[in-house]
Amino acid sequence: MPSRWSSRRGRFGSVAEEPDQEEFARRLEEELKRIKVADLLVQTVYTVSSLGYRRMGEEDRDLDQARLAIDAMTALVPVLEGSLSEEMMTDLNQAVANMQLAYAKAASEPTAGESSQPQDT
């Protein structure tokens, strides 16, 4: 016996969607009508920043990925000029500067496997 939510043919021969999928699609469409591109870009900058900082840490160290995060932030922030308040732009520019400083510090520190003392050969 087919489940109550199994696909079925509609009156035009197409397969009807499950109620959960229909509700999800409706909510997604409503959200897409409300969201602004600037809001999405700000969220993207903060997400990239979080990933970049994580890649500078001891546990997940990957300075190439951290550098890519900085480059992405440096490219995205100026695009938002004119779409955000001056205060928000200052905050985003400060986030980029802080990330650059953290990168410089991380790049100058030895990794967990390295010693800060030179070894005799």
N, C-alpha and C. Protein backbone atom coordinates (compact mmCIF):
# COMPACT_ATOMS: atom_id res chain seq x y z
N MET A 1 0.84 -1.18 0.00
CA MET A 1 0.00 0.00 0.00
C MET A 1 0.89 1.24 0.00
N PRO A 2 0.69 2.18 -0.94
CA PRO A 2 1.52 3.38 -0.99
C PRO A 2 1.27 4.24 0.24
N SER A 3 2.33 4.99 0.61
CA SER A 3 2.18 5.87 1.77
C SER A 3 1.25 7.02 1.43
N ARG A 4 0.77 7.65 2.46
CA ARG A 4 -0.17 8.75 2.26
C ARG A 4 0.48 9.93 1.56
N TRP A 5 1.82 10.06 1.64
CA TRP A 5 2.52 11.19 1.04
C TRP A 5 3.22 10.80 -0.26
N SER A 6 3.01 9.60 -0.74
CA SER A 6 3.70 9.20 -1.96
C SER A 6 3.25 10.05 -3.14
N SER A 7 4.12 10.13 -4.13
CA SER A 7 3.80 10.93 -5.31
C SER A 7 2.56 10.37 -5.99
N ARG A 8 1.77 11.25 -6.53
CA ARG A 8 0.57 10.84 -7.24
C ARG A 8 0.37 11.76 -8.43
N ARG A 9 -0.37 11.28 -9.38
CA ARG A 9 -0.63 12.07 -10.58
C ARG A 9 -1.72 13.10 -10.31
N GLY A 10 -1.46 14.32 -10.70
CA GLY A 10 -2.46 15.38 -10.58
C GLY A 10 -3.41 15.31 -11.75
N ARG A 11 -4.33 16.24 -11.85
CA ARG A 11 -5.34 16.17 -12.91
C ARG A 11 -4.76 16.42 -14.29
N PHE A 12 -3.56 17.02 -14.37
CA PHE A 12 -2.94 17.24 -15.68
C PHE A 12 -1.85 16.22 -15.96
N GLY A 13 -1.79 15.17 -15.17
CA GLY A 13 -0.82 14.12 -15.40
C GLY A 13 0.53 14.36 -14.76
N SER A 14 0.74 15.52 -14.10
CA SER A 14 2.01 15.78 -13.45
C SER A 14 2.01 15.15 -12.06
N VAL A 15 3.19 14.95 -11.55
CA VAL A 15 3.32 14.37 -10.23
C VAL A 15 3.14 15.48 -9.20
N ALA A 16 2.23 15.28 -8.27
CA ALA A 16 1.99 16.28 -7.22
C ALA A 16 3.12 16.22 -6.21
N GLU A 17 3.48 17.38 -5.67
CA GLU A 17 4.54 17.44 -4.67
C GLU A 17 3.99 17.06 -3.31
N GLU A 18 4.88 16.59 -2.44
CA GLU A 18 4.48 16.30 -1.08
C GLU A 18 4.15 17.61 -0.38
N PRO A 19 3.23 17.60 0.56
CA PRO A 19 2.84 18.84 1.26
C PRO A 19 4.03 19.57 1.89
N ASP A 20 4.99 18.86 2.46
CA ASP A 20 6.15 19.51 3.06
C ASP A 20 6.95 20.29 2.03
N GLN A 21 7.12 19.74 0.87
CA GLN A 21 7.86 20.42 -0.20
C GLN A 21 7.11 21.65 -0.68
N GLU A 22 5.82 21.55 -0.79
CA GLU A 22 5.01 22.68 -1.22
C GLU A 22 5.12 23.83 -0.21
N GLU A 23 5.02 23.49 1.07
CA GLU A 23 5.12 24.50 2.13
C GLU A 23 6.51 25.13 2.14
N PHE A 24 7.53 24.32 1.99
CA PHE A 24 8.90 24.83 1.94
C PHE A 24 9.07 25.78 0.77
N ALA A 25 8.59 25.40 -0.40
CA ALA A 25 8.70 26.25 -1.59
C ALA A 25 7.95 27.57 -1.40
N ARG A 26 6.79 27.52 -0.76
CA ARG A 26 6.01 28.74 -0.51
C ARG A 26 6.76 29.67 0.44
N ARG A 27 7.32 29.11 1.51
CA ARG A 27 8.06 29.93 2.48
C ARG A 27 9.33 30.50 1.86
N LEU A 28 10.00 29.71 1.06
CA LEU A 28 11.21 30.19 0.39
C LEU A 28 10.88 31.35 -0.54
N GLU A 29 9.81 31.22 -1.28
CA GLU A 29 9.39 32.29 -2.19
C GLU A 29 9.08 33.57 -1.42
N GLU A 30 8.40 33.45 -0.29
CA GLU A 30 8.10 34.62 0.54
C GLU A 30 9.39 35.27 1.05
N GLU A 31 10.34 34.44 1.49
CA GLU A 31 11.61 34.97 2.01
C GLU A 31 12.40 35.66 0.90
N LEU A 32 12.40 35.12 -0.29
CA LEU A 32 13.12 35.72 -1.41
C LEU A 32 12.53 37.07 -1.80
N LYS A 33 11.25 37.26 -1.57
CA LYS A 33 10.62 38.54 -1.85
C LYS A 33 11.08 39.61 -0.86
N ARG A 34 11.37 39.19 0.39
CA ARG A 34 11.72 40.14 1.44
C ARG A 34 13.21 40.46 1.52
N ILE A 35 14.05 39.52 1.24
CA ILE A 35 15.48 39.69 1.47
C ILE A 35 16.09 40.64 0.45
N LYS A 36 17.03 41.43 0.92
CA LYS A 36 17.75 42.35 0.05
C LYS A 36 19.12 41.76 -0.25
N VAL A 37 19.64 42.06 -1.41
CA VAL A 37 20.96 41.57 -1.79
C VAL A 37 22.01 42.09 -0.81
N ALA A 38 21.89 43.34 -0.39
CA ALA A 38 22.85 43.90 0.56
C ALA A 38 22.87 43.09 1.86
N ASP A 39 21.69 42.68 2.33
CA ASP A 39 21.62 41.87 3.55
C ASP A 39 22.35 40.54 3.37
N LEU A 40 22.16 39.93 2.24
CA LEU A 40 22.83 38.66 1.95
C LEU A 40 24.34 38.85 1.87
N LEU A 41 24.77 39.93 1.26
CA LEU A 41 26.21 40.19 1.15
C LEU A 41 26.84 40.47 2.50
N VAL A 42 26.16 41.19 3.37
CA VAL A 42 26.67 41.44 4.72
C VAL A 42 26.82 40.11 5.45
N GLN A 43 25.81 39.27 5.37
CA GLN A 43 25.87 37.96 6.01
C GLN A 43 27.01 37.13 5.43
N THR A 44 27.22 37.23 4.14
CA THR A 44 28.32 36.51 3.48
C THR A 44 29.67 36.99 4.00
N VAL A 45 29.83 38.30 4.16
CA VAL A 45 31.08 38.84 4.68
C VAL A 45 31.35 38.29 6.08
N TYR A 46 30.33 38.27 6.93
CA TYR A 46 30.51 37.76 8.29
C TYR A 46 30.80 36.26 8.30
N THR A 47 30.17 35.52 7.42
CA THR A 47 30.42 34.08 7.33
C THR A 47 31.84 33.80 6.85
N VAL A 48 32.27 34.52 5.82
CA VAL A 48 33.63 34.37 5.30
C VAL A 48 34.64 34.77 6.37
N SER A 49 34.34 35.81 7.12
CA SER A 49 35.22 36.23 8.21
C SER A 49 35.37 35.11 9.24
N SER A 50 34.28 34.52 9.64
CA SER A 50 34.33 33.43 10.62
C SER A 50 35.16 32.26 10.11
N LEU A 51 34.96 31.91 8.86
CA LEU A 51 35.75 30.81 8.28
C LEU A 51 37.23 31.18 8.22
N GLY A 52 37.51 32.40 7.84
CA GLY A 52 38.90 32.86 7.75
C GLY A 52 39.61 32.82 9.09
N TYR A 53 38.93 33.30 10.12
CA TYR A 53 39.53 33.25 11.46
C TYR A 53 39.77 31.81 11.90
N ARG A 54 38.83 30.96 11.59
CA ARG A 54 38.99 29.55 11.96
C ARG A 54 40.21 28.94 11.28
N ARG A 55 40.46 29.33 10.03
CA ARG A 55 41.60 28.79 9.28
C ARG A 55 42.93 29.35 9.77
N MET A 56 42.89 30.36 10.62
CA MET A 56 44.12 30.90 11.21
C MET A 56 44.42 30.27 12.56
N GLY A 57 43.50 29.48 13.07
CA GLY A 57 43.68 28.86 14.37
C GLY A 57 44.58 27.64 14.31
N GLU A 58 44.98 27.18 15.48
CA GLU A 58 45.87 26.01 15.57
C GLU A 58 45.22 24.76 14.99
N GLU A 59 43.96 24.56 15.33
CA GLU A 59 43.29 23.31 14.99
C GLU A 59 43.04 23.13 13.49
N ASP A 60 42.59 24.17 12.83
CA ASP A 60 42.21 24.08 11.41
C ASP A 60 43.07 24.99 10.55
N ARG A 61 44.32 25.15 10.87
CA ARG A 61 45.22 26.10 10.21
C ARG A 61 45.34 25.81 8.71
N ASP A 62 45.00 26.81 7.93
CA ASP A 62 45.16 26.77 6.47
C ASP A 62 45.24 28.23 6.02
N LEU A 63 46.45 28.75 5.98
CA LEU A 63 46.63 30.17 5.70
C LEU A 63 46.24 30.55 4.27
N ASP A 64 46.30 29.60 3.35
CA ASP A 64 45.82 29.90 1.99
C ASP A 64 44.32 30.19 2.01
N GLN A 65 43.58 29.42 2.78
CA GLN A 65 42.14 29.66 2.89
C GLN A 65 41.86 30.96 3.64
N ALA A 66 42.66 31.25 4.64
CA ALA A 66 42.50 32.52 5.37
C ALA A 66 42.75 33.69 4.44
N ARG A 67 43.77 33.60 3.61
CA ARG A 67 44.09 34.67 2.65
C ARG A 67 42.94 34.83 1.65
N LEU A 68 42.37 33.72 1.21
CA LEU A 68 41.22 33.78 0.30
C LEU A 68 40.04 34.48 0.96
N ALA A 69 39.83 34.21 2.24
CA ALA A 69 38.75 34.88 2.97
C ALA A 69 38.97 36.39 3.00
N ILE A 70 40.21 36.79 3.27
CA ILE A 70 40.53 38.23 3.29
C ILE A 70 40.31 38.85 1.92
N ASP A 71 40.75 38.17 0.88
CA ASP A 71 40.55 38.69 -0.48
C ASP A 71 39.07 38.82 -0.82
N ALA A 72 38.27 37.84 -0.41
CA ALA A 72 36.83 37.89 -0.68
C ALA A 72 36.18 39.07 0.07
N MET A 73 36.57 39.24 1.32
CA MET A 73 36.02 40.35 2.10
C MET A 73 36.43 41.69 1.50
N THR A 74 37.68 41.78 1.07
CA THR A 74 38.20 43.01 0.47
C THR A 74 37.45 43.34 -0.82
N ALA A 75 37.02 42.32 -1.53
CA ALA A 75 36.27 42.54 -2.77
C ALA A 75 34.81 42.89 -2.50
N LEU A 76 34.20 42.25 -1.50
CA LEU A 76 32.77 42.45 -1.25
C LEU A 76 32.43 43.75 -0.53
N VAL A 77 33.24 44.15 0.42
CA VAL A 77 32.89 45.32 1.23
C VAL A 77 32.70 46.58 0.40
N PRO A 78 33.58 46.92 -0.53
CA PRO A 78 33.36 48.14 -1.32
C PRO A 78 32.08 48.12 -2.16
N VAL A 79 31.64 46.95 -2.55
CA VAL A 79 30.41 46.81 -3.34
C VAL A 79 29.20 47.30 -2.54
N LEU A 80 29.29 47.20 -1.23
CA LEU A 80 28.17 47.58 -0.36
C LEU A 80 28.08 49.08 -0.09
N GLU A 81 29.10 49.83 -0.50
CA GLU A 81 29.12 51.29 -0.32
C GLU A 81 27.87 51.88 -0.96
N GLY A 82 27.17 52.71 -0.20
CA GLY A 82 25.95 53.33 -0.71
C GLY A 82 24.70 52.55 -0.38
N SER A 83 24.85 51.28 -0.03
CA SER A 83 23.70 50.45 0.33
C SER A 83 23.55 50.31 1.84
N LEU A 84 24.60 50.66 2.58
CA LEU A 84 24.59 50.51 4.03
C LEU A 84 24.90 51.85 4.69
N SER A 85 24.61 51.91 5.96
CA SER A 85 24.91 53.13 6.71
C SER A 85 26.43 53.29 6.81
N GLU A 86 26.84 54.51 7.09
CA GLU A 86 28.27 54.80 7.26
C GLU A 86 28.84 53.98 8.43
N GLU A 87 28.05 53.86 9.48
CA GLU A 87 28.48 53.08 10.65
C GLU A 87 28.71 51.61 10.29
N MET A 88 27.81 51.05 9.53
CA MET A 88 27.95 49.65 9.12
C MET A 88 29.16 49.47 8.21
N MET A 89 29.38 50.41 7.32
CA MET A 89 30.55 50.34 6.44
C MET A 89 31.84 50.42 7.26
N THR A 90 31.85 51.29 8.27
CA THR A 90 33.01 51.39 9.15
C THR A 90 33.26 50.06 9.84
N ASP A 91 32.20 49.43 10.33
CA ASP A 91 32.33 48.13 10.99
C ASP A 91 32.89 47.07 10.04
N LEU A 92 32.40 47.04 8.82
CA LEU A 92 32.88 46.04 7.85
C LEU A 92 34.33 46.29 7.47
N ASN A 93 34.68 47.56 7.25
CA ASN A 93 36.08 47.88 6.93
C ASN A 93 37.00 47.53 8.09
N GLN A 94 36.52 47.75 9.32
CA GLN A 94 37.31 47.38 10.50
C GLN A 94 37.46 45.86 10.59
N ALA A 95 36.43 45.13 10.22
CA ALA A 95 36.50 43.66 10.23
C ALA A 95 37.57 43.18 9.25
N VAL A 96 37.65 43.81 8.09
CA VAL A 96 38.68 43.45 7.12
C VAL A 96 40.07 43.76 7.68
N ALA A 97 40.23 44.94 8.25
CA ALA A 97 41.53 45.33 8.82
C ALA A 97 41.94 44.38 9.95
N ASN A 98 41.00 44.03 10.81
CA ASN A 98 41.30 43.11 11.91
C ASN A 98 41.72 41.74 11.38
N MET A 99 41.06 41.31 10.34
CA MET A 99 41.39 40.01 9.74
C MET A 99 42.79 40.05 9.13
N GLN A 100 43.14 41.15 8.49
CA GLN A 100 44.48 41.29 7.91
C GLN A 100 45.55 41.26 9.00
N LEU A 101 45.29 41.93 10.12
CA LEU A 101 46.24 41.92 11.23
C LEU A 101 46.38 40.52 11.83
N ALA A 102 45.27 39.84 11.98
CA ALA A 102 45.30 38.48 12.52
C ALA A 102 46.05 37.54 11.58
N TYR A 103 45.89 37.75 10.28
CA TYR A 103 46.61 36.94 9.30
C TYR A 103 48.11 37.17 9.42
N ALA A 104 48.51 38.44 9.52
CA ALA A 104 49.94 38.75 9.63
C ALA A 104 50.53 38.09 10.87
N LYS A 105 49.80 38.12 11.95
CA LYS A 105 50.26 37.48 13.19
C LYS A 105 50.34 35.96 13.01
N ALA A 106 49.31 35.37 12.44
CA ALA A 106 49.28 33.91 12.24
C ALA A 106 50.40 33.46 11.31
N ALA A 107 50.66 34.26 10.27
CA ALA A 107 51.70 33.88 9.31
C ALA A 107 53.09 33.96 9.92
N SER A 108 53.26 34.78 10.94
CA SER A 108 54.58 34.93 11.56
C SER A 108 54.81 33.93 12.70
N GLU A 109 53.76 33.26 13.14
CA GLU A 109 53.88 32.30 14.23
C GLU A 109 54.20 30.91 13.69
N PRO A 110 55.00 30.15 14.43
CA PRO A 110 55.24 28.77 14.00
C PRO A 110 53.98 27.94 14.20
N THR A 111 53.81 26.94 13.37
CA THR A 111 52.67 26.04 13.51
C THR A 111 52.94 25.09 14.66
N ALA A 112 51.95 24.33 15.05
CA ALA A 112 52.05 23.44 16.21
C ALA A 112 53.20 22.44 16.06
N GLY A 113 53.49 22.01 14.85
CA GLY A 113 54.54 21.04 14.61
C GLY A 113 55.92 21.65 14.54
N GLU A 114 56.01 22.96 14.42
CA GLU A 114 57.29 23.64 14.29
C GLU A 114 57.77 24.13 15.65
N SER A 115 59.04 24.25 15.78
CA SER A 115 59.62 24.82 16.99
C SER A 115 60.05 26.23 16.69
N SER A 116 59.94 27.10 17.69
CA SER A 116 60.39 28.49 17.48
C SER A 116 61.90 28.61 17.59
N GLN A 117 62.55 27.57 18.11
CA GLN A 117 64.00 27.57 18.24
C GLN A 117 64.63 26.88 17.04
N PRO A 118 65.70 27.43 16.49
CA PRO A 118 66.38 26.74 15.38
C PRO A 118 66.99 25.45 15.91
N GLN A 119 66.94 24.44 15.07
CA GLN A 119 67.50 23.15 15.45
C GLN A 119 68.89 22.98 14.87
N ASP A 120 69.78 22.34 15.64
CA ASP A 120 71.12 22.04 15.13
C ASP A 120 71.03 20.82 14.22
N THR A 121 71.78 20.87 13.16
CA THR A 121 71.82 19.72 12.25
C THR A 121 73.09 18.96 12.33
